[in-house]
Amino acid sequence: MLFGAFNVNNMEIIQAIVDAANEENSPVILQASSSAIKYARIGYLRKMIEAALEEYDIPIALHLDHGPDFETCKMCIDNGFSSVMIDGSKYSFEENIDLTKKVVEYAHSRGVVVEAELGKLAGIEDDVNVSDSDAMYTNPDEAKEFVNRTGCDSLAIAIGTSHGAYKFKGEAKLRFDILEKVKEKLPNTPIVLHGASTVIPELVEICNKYGGNIPGAKGVPDEMLHEASLRGVSKINVDTDLRLAMTAAIRKVFAEEPEAFDPRKYMTPARELIKQTVKHKIKDVFGSSNKA
């Protein structure tokens, strides 16, 4: 089954995601990047997730997204995260293996699972910044060796997705042939896609209509994400679409009601639009809804 992993930064985003997951009766992965942790502070994030667990009877996991080093992964493991991602993709193959193995050993001894990454995704998101020229596809043979040597529980691969709102300059294209080869060699390892937001055109349009400047933004079409799920992807990360939803709703309030200054006035519709965006992902794209 394919699950959505949704990036969180504050209370309203967390509430929107878990509200949507509860209404669809779907398990959900909440994930925080290292920069989100710096912004929201790890204690606040942990307590807000605990509040969500108390409010709803659905499976909720807390995941570190793009952990840049062992110390960050250790901090999250020690603070009760369900899983962590160590992103050693910027290093050489051997250095990536050594770093990932170190995190795996610490995490597994404490009952925490580890996601790793092999291959480099282009684009900019939080602390991740990779130029198009430095991006590279995942090598299926290396992927098998990497998992066998590190013992990581899941693997993020590069097949053409990218971080941020500008994923494709021309027609969207993913290397499903690479995905199939990776799955052949690693049939029992969950595969993850990063940089896979749709960059929903309607949200971009609202942002631009109300004073935004996001021209030419293009993401991964829903049909491609569904195809990825059929070909064995187990987890797809969503961040940009949530940012667009929040920004679109807030810009609309500010433009239509310039006298508004109560944060509840603009954060409430922002939370609602994020919730609708997550419900769409869960129900129509990922198929993880168990709604009766």
C-alpha atoms as a PDB file:
ATOM      1  CA  MET A   1       0.000   0.000   0.000  1.00  0.00           C
ATOM      2  CA  LEU A   2       1.132   3.553  -0.724  1.00  0.00           C
ATOM      3  CA  PHE A   3       1.215   6.092   2.092  1.00  0.00           C
ATOM      4  CA  GLY A   4       1.533   9.849   1.986  1.00  0.00           C
ATOM      5  CA  ALA A   5       4.152  11.536   4.141  1.00  0.00           C
ATOM      6  CA  PHE A   6       3.202  15.152   4.771  1.00  0.00           C
ATOM      7  CA  ASN A   7       5.648  17.779   5.971  1.00  0.00           C
ATOM      8  CA  VAL A   8       4.701  19.775   9.048  1.00  0.00           C
ATOM      9  CA  ASN A   9       5.875  23.158  10.307  1.00  0.00           C
ATOM     10  CA  ASN A  10       3.254  24.415  12.752  1.00  0.00           C
ATOM     11  CA  MET A  11       0.047  23.582  14.604  1.00  0.00           C
ATOM     12  CA  GLU A  12      -2.383  24.426  11.809  1.00  0.00           C
ATOM     13  CA  ILE A  13      -0.603  22.193   9.309  1.00  0.00           C
ATOM     14  CA  ILE A  14      -0.542  19.294  11.780  1.00  0.00           C
ATOM     15  CA  GLN A  15      -4.232  19.752  12.565  1.00  0.00           C
ATOM     16  CA  ALA A  16      -5.156  19.921   8.882  1.00  0.00           C
ATOM     17  CA  ILE A  17      -3.284  16.720   8.042  1.00  0.00           C
ATOM     18  CA  VAL A  18      -4.622  14.633  10.922  1.00  0.00           C
ATOM     19  CA  ASP A  19      -8.159  16.002  10.437  1.00  0.00           C
ATOM     20  CA  ALA A  20      -8.006  14.868   6.808  1.00  0.00           C
ATOM     21  CA  ALA A  21      -6.528  11.474   7.691  1.00  0.00           C
ATOM     22  CA  ASN A  22      -9.183  10.926  10.357  1.00  0.00           C
ATOM     23  CA  GLU A  23     -12.023  11.819   7.986  1.00  0.00           C
ATOM     24  CA  GLU A  24     -10.619   9.349   5.453  1.00  0.00           C
ATOM     25  CA  ASN A  25      -9.784   6.784   8.173  1.00  0.00           C
ATOM     26  CA  SER A  26      -6.249   6.578   6.804  1.00  0.00           C
ATOM     27  CA  PRO A  27      -2.880   5.983   8.438  1.00  0.00           C
ATOM     28  CA  VAL A  28      -0.652   9.009   7.995  1.00  0.00           C
ATOM     29  CA  ILE A  29       3.013   9.946   8.236  1.00  0.00           C
ATOM     30  CA  LEU A  30       3.848  13.383   9.627  1.00  0.00           C
ATOM     31  CA  GLN A  31       7.390  14.386   8.837  1.00  0.00           C
ATOM     32  CA  ALA A  32       9.582  17.298   9.862  1.00  0.00           C
ATOM     33  CA  SER A  33      12.778  18.437   8.203  1.00  0.00           C
ATOM     34  CA  SER A  34      15.727  19.681  10.235  1.00  0.00           C
ATOM     35  CA  SER A  35      14.847  23.270   9.303  1.00  0.00           C
ATOM     36  CA  ALA A  36      11.233  22.707  10.390  1.00  0.00           C
ATOM     37  CA  ILE A  37      12.553  21.451  13.712  1.00  0.00           C
ATOM     38  CA  LYS A  38      14.700  24.565  14.066  1.00  0.00           C
ATOM     39  CA  TYR A  39      11.642  26.693  13.309  1.00  0.00           C
ATOM     40  CA  ALA A  40       9.025  24.952  15.452  1.00  0.00           C
ATOM     41  CA  ARG A  41      11.384  23.429  18.075  1.00  0.00           C
ATOM     42  CA  ILE A  42      11.410  19.707  18.649  1.00  0.00           C
ATOM     43  CA  GLY A  43       9.585  19.780  21.992  1.00  0.00           C
ATOM     44  CA  TYR A  44       6.656  21.709  20.525  1.00  0.00           C
ATOM     45  CA  LEU A  45       6.446  19.366  17.546  1.00  0.00           C
ATOM     46  CA  ARG A  46       6.485  16.310  19.783  1.00  0.00           C
ATOM     47  CA  LYS A  47       3.744  17.639  22.044  1.00  0.00           C
ATOM     48  CA  MET A  48       1.541  18.647  19.101  1.00  0.00           C
ATOM     49  CA  ILE A  49       1.867  15.131  17.667  1.00  0.00           C
ATOM     50  CA  GLU A  50       0.978  13.721  21.080  1.00  0.00           C
ATOM     51  CA  ALA A  51      -2.150  15.911  21.034  1.00  0.00           C
ATOM     52  CA  ALA A  52      -3.081  14.461  17.637  1.00  0.00           C
ATOM     53  CA  LEU A  53      -2.623  10.926  18.971  1.00  0.00           C
ATOM     54  CA  GLU A  54      -4.910  11.728  21.899  1.00  0.00           C
ATOM     55  CA  GLU A  55      -7.560  13.238  19.623  1.00  0.00           C
ATOM     56  CA  TYR A  56      -7.761  10.532  16.947  1.00  0.00           C
ATOM     57  CA  ASP A  57      -7.637   6.746  16.878  1.00  0.00           C
ATOM     58  CA  ILE A  58      -5.685   6.394  13.626  1.00  0.00           C
ATOM     59  CA  PRO A  59      -2.079   5.258  13.056  1.00  0.00           C
ATOM     60  CA  ILE A  60       0.177   8.341  13.059  1.00  0.00           C
ATOM     61  CA  ALA A  61       3.935   8.141  12.539  1.00  0.00           C
ATOM     62  CA  LEU A  62       6.430  10.938  13.181  1.00  0.00           C
ATOM     63  CA  HIS A  63       9.343  10.930  10.746  1.00  0.00           C
ATOM     64  CA  LEU A  64      12.503  12.988  10.302  1.00  0.00           C
ATOM     65  CA  ASP A  65      12.758  14.145   6.693  1.00  0.00           C
ATOM     66  CA  HIS A  66      16.238  14.691   5.198  1.00  0.00           C
ATOM     67  CA  GLY A  67      18.269  14.283   8.347  1.00  0.00           C
ATOM     68  CA  PRO A  68      21.587  15.910   7.405  1.00  0.00           C
ATOM     69  CA  ASP A  69      23.820  14.150   9.945  1.00  0.00           C
ATOM     70  CA  PHE A  70      24.008  11.545  12.695  1.00  0.00           C
ATOM     71  CA  GLU A  71      23.483  14.115  15.452  1.00  0.00           C
ATOM     72  CA  THR A  72      20.128  15.283  14.051  1.00  0.00           C
ATOM     73  CA  CYS A  73      18.936  11.694  13.630  1.00  0.00           C
ATOM     74  CA  LYS A  74      20.026  10.864  17.184  1.00  0.00           C
ATOM     75  CA  MET A  75      18.163  13.910  18.547  1.00  0.00           C
ATOM     76  CA  CYS A  76      14.956  12.824  16.836  1.00  0.00           C
ATOM     77  CA  ILE A  77      15.315   9.188  17.895  1.00  0.00           C
ATOM     78  CA  ASP A  78      15.881  10.294  21.485  1.00  0.00           C
ATOM     79  CA  ASN A  79      12.773  12.496  21.265  1.00  0.00           C
ATOM     80  CA  GLY A  80      10.397   9.721  20.267  1.00  0.00           C
ATOM     81  CA  PHE A  81      10.296   9.895  16.466  1.00  0.00           C
ATOM     82  CA  SER A  82       8.932   6.710  14.866  1.00  0.00           C
ATOM     83  CA  SER A  83      11.466   6.811  12.059  1.00  0.00           C
ATOM     84  CA  VAL A  84      14.289   8.934  10.704  1.00  0.00           C
ATOM     85  CA  MET A  85      15.749   9.600   7.297  1.00  0.00           C
ATOM     86  CA  ILE A  86      19.484  10.025   6.959  1.00  0.00           C
ATOM     87  CA  ASP A  87      20.286  11.797   3.705  1.00  0.00           C
ATOM     88  CA  GLY A  88      23.859  10.980   2.776  1.00  0.00           C
ATOM     89  CA  SER A  89      23.234  11.400  -0.959  1.00  0.00           C
ATOM     90  CA  LYS A  90      25.624  14.366  -1.130  1.00  0.00           C
ATOM     91  CA  TYR A  91      28.518  12.094  -0.134  1.00  0.00           C
ATOM     92  CA  SER A  92      30.352   9.397  -2.056  1.00  0.00           C
ATOM     93  CA  PHE A  93      28.809   5.927  -2.198  1.00  0.00           C
ATOM     94  CA  GLU A  94      31.113   4.568   0.507  1.00  0.00           C
ATOM     95  CA  GLU A  95      30.700   7.615   2.757  1.00  0.00           C
ATOM     96  CA  ASN A  96      26.928   7.386   2.376  1.00  0.00           C
ATOM     97  CA  ILE A  97      27.063   3.722   3.404  1.00  0.00           C
ATOM     98  CA  ASP A  98      29.207   4.466   6.478  1.00  0.00           C
ATOM     99  CA  LEU A  99      26.944   7.295   7.664  1.00  0.00           C
ATOM    100  CA  THR A 100      23.733   5.375   7.019  1.00  0.00           C
ATOM    101  CA  LYS A 101      25.047   2.275   8.777  1.00  0.00           C
ATOM    102  CA  LYS A 102      25.931   4.354  11.854  1.00  0.00           C
ATOM    103  CA  VAL A 103      22.397   5.767  12.017  1.00  0.00           C
ATOM    104  CA  VAL A 104      20.843   2.323  11.421  1.00  0.00           C
ATOM    105  CA  GLU A 105      22.793   0.773  14.286  1.00  0.00           C
ATOM    106  CA  TYR A 106      21.711   3.494  16.736  1.00  0.00           C
ATOM    107  CA  ALA A 107      18.098   3.573  15.520  1.00  0.00           C
ATOM    108  CA  HIS A 108      17.510  -0.177  15.414  1.00  0.00           C
ATOM    109  CA  SER A 109      18.853  -0.613  18.938  1.00  0.00           C
ATOM    110  CA  ARG A 110      16.030   1.717  20.027  1.00  0.00           C
ATOM    111  CA  GLY A 111      13.235   0.308  17.876  1.00  0.00           C
ATOM    112  CA  VAL A 112      13.298   3.099  15.278  1.00  0.00           C
ATOM    113  CA  VAL A 113      13.343   2.459  11.524  1.00  0.00           C
ATOM    114  CA  VAL A 114      15.566   4.243   9.023  1.00  0.00           C
ATOM    115  CA  GLU A 115      15.040   5.638   5.539  1.00  0.00           C
ATOM    116  CA  ALA A 116      18.116   6.387   3.441  1.00  0.00           C
ATOM    117  CA  GLU A 117      18.674   7.994   0.051  1.00  0.00           C
ATOM    118  CA  LEU A 118      20.702   6.981  -2.977  1.00  0.00           C
ATOM    119  CA  GLY A 119      20.880   9.319  -5.969  1.00  0.00           C
ATOM    120  CA  LYS A 120      20.488  13.090  -5.964  1.00  0.00           C
ATOM    121  CA  LEU A 121      17.249  14.996  -6.594  1.00  0.00           C
ATOM    122  CA  ALA A 122      17.512  18.442  -8.156  1.00  0.00           C
ATOM    123  CA  GLY A 123      15.711  21.436  -6.679  1.00  0.00           C
ATOM    124  CA  ILE A 124      15.507  23.475  -3.505  1.00  0.00           C
ATOM    125  CA  GLU A 125      13.568  22.627  -0.354  1.00  0.00           C
ATOM    126  CA  ASP A 126      14.541  23.764   3.126  1.00  0.00           C
ATOM    127  CA  ASP A 127      18.230  22.851   3.564  1.00  0.00           C
ATOM    128  CA  VAL A 128      18.334  20.705   0.409  1.00  0.00           C
ATOM    129  CA  ASN A 129      19.765  22.537  -2.617  1.00  0.00           C
ATOM    130  CA  VAL A 130      20.945  20.514  -5.625  1.00  0.00           C
ATOM    131  CA  SER A 131      21.529  21.976  -9.081  1.00  0.00           C
ATOM    132  CA  ASP A 132      20.247  20.249 -12.214  1.00  0.00           C
ATOM    133  CA  SER A 133      23.826  19.489 -13.255  1.00  0.00           C
ATOM    134  CA  ASP A 134      24.547  17.724  -9.948  1.00  0.00           C
ATOM    135  CA  ALA A 135      21.365  15.619  -9.944  1.00  0.00           C
ATOM    136  CA  MET A 136      21.746  11.929 -10.752  1.00  0.00           C
ATOM    137  CA  TYR A 137      19.528   8.884 -11.110  1.00  0.00           C
ATOM    138  CA  THR A 138      19.757   5.958  -8.719  1.00  0.00           C
ATOM    139  CA  ASN A 139      21.759   2.981  -9.964  1.00  0.00           C
ATOM    140  CA  PRO A 140      19.721  -0.214  -9.305  1.00  0.00           C
ATOM    141  CA  ASP A 141      22.820  -2.361  -8.724  1.00  0.00           C
ATOM    142  CA  GLU A 142      24.194   0.148  -6.239  1.00  0.00           C
ATOM    143  CA  ALA A 143      20.776   0.307  -4.569  1.00  0.00           C
ATOM    144  CA  LYS A 144      20.859  -3.420  -3.804  1.00  0.00           C
ATOM    145  CA  GLU A 145      24.399  -3.253  -2.457  1.00  0.00           C
ATOM    146  CA  PHE A 146      23.567  -0.144  -0.422  1.00  0.00           C
ATOM    147  CA  VAL A 147      20.571  -1.723   1.322  1.00  0.00           C
ATOM    148  CA  ASN A 148      22.396  -4.990   1.948  1.00  0.00           C
ATOM    149  CA  ARG A 149      25.399  -3.265   3.494  1.00  0.00           C
ATOM    150  CA  THR A 150      23.574  -0.620   5.545  1.00  0.00           C
ATOM    151  CA  GLY A 151      20.490  -2.525   6.696  1.00  0.00           C
ATOM    152  CA  CYS A 152      18.274   0.504   6.081  1.00  0.00           C
ATOM    153  CA  ASP A 153      14.541  -0.184   6.189  1.00  0.00           C
ATOM    154  CA  SER A 154      13.448   1.903   3.182  1.00  0.00           C
ATOM    155  CA  LEU A 155      15.193   3.673   0.337  1.00  0.00           C
ATOM    156  CA  ALA A 156      14.494   6.993  -1.352  1.00  0.00           C
ATOM    157  CA  ILE A 157      15.512   6.853  -5.009  1.00  0.00           C
ATOM    158  CA  ALA A 158      15.988   9.418  -7.766  1.00  0.00           C
ATOM    159  CA  ILE A 159      13.960   8.753 -10.918  1.00  0.00           C
ATOM    160  CA  GLY A 160      13.312  12.307 -12.108  1.00  0.00           C
ATOM    161  CA  THR A 161      11.354  14.037  -9.359  1.00  0.00           C
ATOM    162  CA  SER A 162      12.805  17.203  -7.790  1.00  0.00           C
ATOM    163  CA  HIS A 163      12.264  19.431  -4.798  1.00  0.00           C
ATOM    164  CA  GLY A 164      10.319  22.682  -4.889  1.00  0.00           C
ATOM    165  CA  ALA A 165       7.611  24.066  -7.181  1.00  0.00           C
ATOM    166  CA  TYR A 166       9.591  23.959 -10.437  1.00  0.00           C
ATOM    167  CA  LYS A 167      10.087  20.263 -11.053  1.00  0.00           C
ATOM    168  CA  PHE A 168       9.921  20.162 -14.860  1.00  0.00           C
ATOM    169  CA  LYS A 169      10.762  22.730 -17.524  1.00  0.00           C
ATOM    170  CA  GLY A 170       9.064  20.733 -20.254  1.00  0.00           C
ATOM    171  CA  GLU A 171       6.882  17.651 -20.199  1.00  0.00           C
ATOM    172  CA  ALA A 172       6.851  15.766 -16.902  1.00  0.00           C
ATOM    173  CA  LYS A 173       8.758  12.492 -17.126  1.00  0.00           C
ATOM    174  CA  LEU A 174       9.773   9.880 -14.569  1.00  0.00           C
ATOM    175  CA  ARG A 175      12.162   6.982 -15.141  1.00  0.00           C
ATOM    176  CA  PHE A 176       9.813   4.124 -14.328  1.00  0.00           C
ATOM    177  CA  ASP A 177      12.322   1.747 -15.909  1.00  0.00           C
ATOM    178  CA  ILE A 178      14.766   2.543 -13.088  1.00  0.00           C
ATOM    179  CA  LEU A 179      12.007   2.074 -10.505  1.00  0.00           C
ATOM    180  CA  GLU A 180      11.151  -1.347 -11.933  1.00  0.00           C
ATOM    181  CA  LYS A 181      14.789  -2.456 -11.879  1.00  0.00           C
ATOM    182  CA  VAL A 182      15.204  -1.300  -8.282  1.00  0.00           C
ATOM    183  CA  LYS A 183      12.079  -3.211  -7.247  1.00  0.00           C
ATOM    184  CA  GLU A 184      13.341  -6.320  -9.025  1.00  0.00           C
ATOM    185  CA  LYS A 185      16.547  -6.208  -7.017  1.00  0.00           C
ATOM    186  CA  LEU A 186      14.899  -5.091  -3.760  1.00  0.00           C
ATOM    187  CA  PRO A 187      11.429  -6.700  -3.787  1.00  0.00           C
ATOM    188  CA  ASN A 188      11.007  -6.461  -0.007  1.00  0.00           C
ATOM    189  CA  THR A 189      12.379  -2.951   0.559  1.00  0.00           C
ATOM    190  CA  PRO A 190       9.866  -0.070   0.655  1.00  0.00           C
ATOM    191  CA  ILE A 191      10.755   2.532  -1.983  1.00  0.00           C
ATOM    192  CA  VAL A 192      10.250   6.256  -1.374  1.00  0.00           C
ATOM    193  CA  LEU A 193       9.773   9.195  -3.745  1.00  0.00           C
ATOM    194  CA  HIS A 194      10.847  12.643  -2.605  1.00  0.00           C
ATOM    195  CA  GLY A 195      10.055  15.852  -4.479  1.00  0.00           C
ATOM    196  CA  ALA A 196       6.730  14.429  -5.628  1.00  0.00           C
ATOM    197  CA  SER A 197       4.200  17.190  -5.000  1.00  0.00           C
ATOM    198  CA  THR A 198       1.750  17.740  -7.824  1.00  0.00           C
ATOM    199  CA  VAL A 199       2.161  21.531  -7.563  1.00  0.00           C
ATOM    200  CA  ILE A 200      -1.615  21.721  -7.920  1.00  0.00           C
ATOM    201  CA  PRO A 201      -2.372  24.255 -10.694  1.00  0.00           C
ATOM    202  CA  GLU A 202      -5.481  25.612  -8.967  1.00  0.00           C
ATOM    203  CA  LEU A 203      -3.442  26.507  -5.885  1.00  0.00           C
ATOM    204  CA  VAL A 204      -0.746  28.200  -7.959  1.00  0.00           C
ATOM    205  CA  GLU A 205      -3.478  30.132  -9.781  1.00  0.00           C
ATOM    206  CA  ILE A 206      -4.983  31.395  -6.511  1.00  0.00           C
ATOM    207  CA  CYS A 207      -1.560  32.465  -5.253  1.00  0.00           C
ATOM    208  CA  ASN A 208      -0.845  34.407  -8.443  1.00  0.00           C
ATOM    209  CA  LYS A 209      -4.342  35.885  -8.607  1.00  0.00           C
ATOM    210  CA  TYR A 210      -3.948  37.452  -5.199  1.00  0.00           C
ATOM    211  CA  GLY A 211      -0.499  38.993  -5.599  1.00  0.00           C
ATOM    212  CA  GLY A 212       1.817  35.987  -5.795  1.00  0.00           C
ATOM    213  CA  ASN A 213       4.603  35.543  -8.301  1.00  0.00           C
ATOM    214  CA  ILE A 214       4.963  31.821  -9.049  1.00  0.00           C
ATOM    215  CA  PRO A 215       5.145  31.625 -12.861  1.00  0.00           C
ATOM    216  CA  GLY A 216       5.730  28.355 -14.670  1.00  0.00           C
ATOM    217  CA  ALA A 217       5.506  26.116 -11.602  1.00  0.00           C
ATOM    218  CA  LYS A 218       5.044  22.478 -12.569  1.00  0.00           C
ATOM    219  CA  GLY A 219       4.953  19.295 -10.488  1.00  0.00           C
ATOM    220  CA  VAL A 220       4.398  15.560 -10.837  1.00  0.00           C
ATOM    221  CA  PRO A 221       0.920  14.815 -12.268  1.00  0.00           C
ATOM    222  CA  ASP A 222      -1.401  12.732 -10.107  1.00  0.00           C
ATOM    223  CA  GLU A 223      -1.549  10.048 -12.797  1.00  0.00           C
ATOM    224  CA  MET A 224       2.234   9.580 -12.594  1.00  0.00           C
ATOM    225  CA  LEU A 225       2.111   9.284  -8.826  1.00  0.00           C
ATOM    226  CA  HIS A 226      -0.617   6.661  -9.128  1.00  0.00           C
ATOM    227  CA  GLU A 227       1.491   4.815 -11.697  1.00  0.00           C
ATOM    228  CA  ALA A 228       4.432   4.931  -9.296  1.00  0.00           C
ATOM    229  CA  SER A 229       2.275   3.301  -6.627  1.00  0.00           C
ATOM    230  CA  LEU A 230       1.308   0.508  -9.013  1.00  0.00           C
ATOM    231  CA  ARG A 231       4.991  -0.069  -9.754  1.00  0.00           C
ATOM    232  CA  GLY A 232       5.935  -0.495  -6.113  1.00  0.00           C
ATOM    233  CA  VAL A 233       6.493   2.894  -4.458  1.00  0.00           C
ATOM    234  CA  SER A 234       5.400   2.698  -0.807  1.00  0.00           C
ATOM    235  CA  LYS A 235       5.816   6.289   0.418  1.00  0.00           C
ATOM    236  CA  ILE A 236       5.468   9.620  -1.380  1.00  0.00           C
ATOM    237  CA  ASN A 237       6.461  12.897   0.249  1.00  0.00           C
ATOM    238  CA  VAL A 238       4.251  15.988   0.028  1.00  0.00           C
ATOM    239  CA  ASP A 239       5.448  19.434   1.091  1.00  0.00           C
ATOM    240  CA  THR A 240       5.154  22.008  -1.707  1.00  0.00           C
ATOM    241  CA  ASP A 241       1.421  21.412  -2.209  1.00  0.00           C
ATOM    242  CA  LEU A 242       0.791  22.126   1.482  1.00  0.00           C
ATOM    243  CA  ARG A 243       2.801  25.337   1.312  1.00  0.00           C
ATOM    244  CA  LEU A 244       0.870  26.429  -1.766  1.00  0.00           C
ATOM    245  CA  ALA A 245      -2.473  25.677  -0.093  1.00  0.00           C
ATOM    246  CA  MET A 246      -1.594  27.706   2.995  1.00  0.00           C
ATOM    247  CA  THR A 247      -0.228  30.615   0.967  1.00  0.00           C
ATOM    248  CA  ALA A 248      -3.196  30.635  -1.424  1.00  0.00           C
ATOM    249  CA  ALA A 249      -5.749  30.812   1.382  1.00  0.00           C
ATOM    250  CA  ILE A 250      -3.874  33.505   3.309  1.00  0.00           C
ATOM    251  CA  ARG A 251      -3.294  35.655   0.210  1.00  0.00           C
ATOM    252  CA  LYS A 252      -6.984  35.458  -0.648  1.00  0.00           C
ATOM    253  CA  VAL A 253      -8.024  36.727   2.789  1.00  0.00           C
ATOM    254  CA  PHE A 254      -5.478  39.533   2.751  1.00  0.00           C
ATOM    255  CA  ALA A 255      -6.582  40.651  -0.725  1.00  0.00           C
ATOM    256  CA  GLU A 256     -10.322  40.462  -0.099  1.00  0.00           C
ATOM    257  CA  GLU A 257     -10.248  41.674   3.507  1.00  0.00           C
ATOM    258  CA  PRO A 258      -7.302  44.071   3.871  1.00  0.00           C
ATOM    259  CA  GLU A 259      -8.593  45.113   7.276  1.00  0.00           C
ATOM    260  CA  ALA A 260      -8.033  41.591   8.659  1.00  0.00           C
ATOM    261  CA  PHE A 261      -5.246  41.282  11.223  1.00  0.00           C
ATOM    262  CA  ASP A 262      -6.510  38.508  13.503  1.00  0.00           C
ATOM    263  CA  PRO A 263      -4.376  35.414  12.698  1.00  0.00           C
ATOM    264  CA  ARG A 264      -7.430  33.208  13.258  1.00  0.00           C
ATOM    265  CA  LYS A 265      -9.136  35.038  10.400  1.00  0.00           C
ATOM    266  CA  TYR A 266      -6.600  33.851   7.829  1.00  0.00           C
ATOM    267  CA  MET A 267      -5.166  30.728   9.453  1.00  0.00           C
ATOM    268  CA  THR A 268      -8.588  29.061   9.666  1.00  0.00           C
ATOM    269  CA  PRO A 269      -9.184  29.042   5.871  1.00  0.00           C
ATOM    270  CA  ALA A 270      -5.529  28.112   5.393  1.00  0.00           C
ATOM    271  CA  ARG A 271      -5.977  25.084   7.620  1.00  0.00           C
ATOM    272  CA  GLU A 272      -9.152  24.102   5.756  1.00  0.00           C
ATOM    273  CA  LEU A 273      -7.535  24.314   2.319  1.00  0.00           C
ATOM    274  CA  ILE A 274      -4.600  22.217   3.500  1.00  0.00           C
ATOM    275  CA  LYS A 275      -7.058  19.647   4.850  1.00  0.00           C
ATOM    276  CA  GLN A 276      -8.875  19.444   1.510  1.00  0.00           C
ATOM    277  CA  THR A 277      -5.544  19.099  -0.287  1.00  0.00           C
ATOM    278  CA  VAL A 278      -4.484  16.219   1.973  1.00  0.00           C
ATOM    279  CA  LYS A 279      -7.868  14.507   1.620  1.00  0.00           C
ATOM    280  CA  HIS A 280      -7.484  14.652  -2.169  1.00  0.00           C
ATOM    281  CA  LYS A 281      -4.034  13.059  -1.917  1.00  0.00           C
ATOM    282  CA  ILE A 282      -5.173  10.311   0.455  1.00  0.00           C
ATOM    283  CA  LYS A 283      -8.350   9.430  -1.412  1.00  0.00           C
ATOM    284  CA  ASP A 284      -7.660  10.111  -5.087  1.00  0.00           C
ATOM    285  CA  VAL A 285      -3.904   9.730  -5.460  1.00  0.00           C
ATOM    286  CA  PHE A 286      -2.510   7.428  -2.768  1.00  0.00           C
ATOM    287  CA  GLY A 287      -5.555   5.230  -2.233  1.00  0.00           C
ATOM    288  CA  SER A 288      -4.943   4.858   1.506  1.00  0.00           C
ATOM    289  CA  SER A 289      -8.481   5.885   2.477  1.00  0.00           C
ATOM    290  CA  ASN A 290     -10.442   3.314   4.475  1.00  0.00           C
ATOM    291  CA  LYS A 291     -13.558   5.451   4.657  1.00  0.00           C
ATOM    292  CA  ALA A 292     -16.711   3.337   4.835  1.00  0.00           C
END
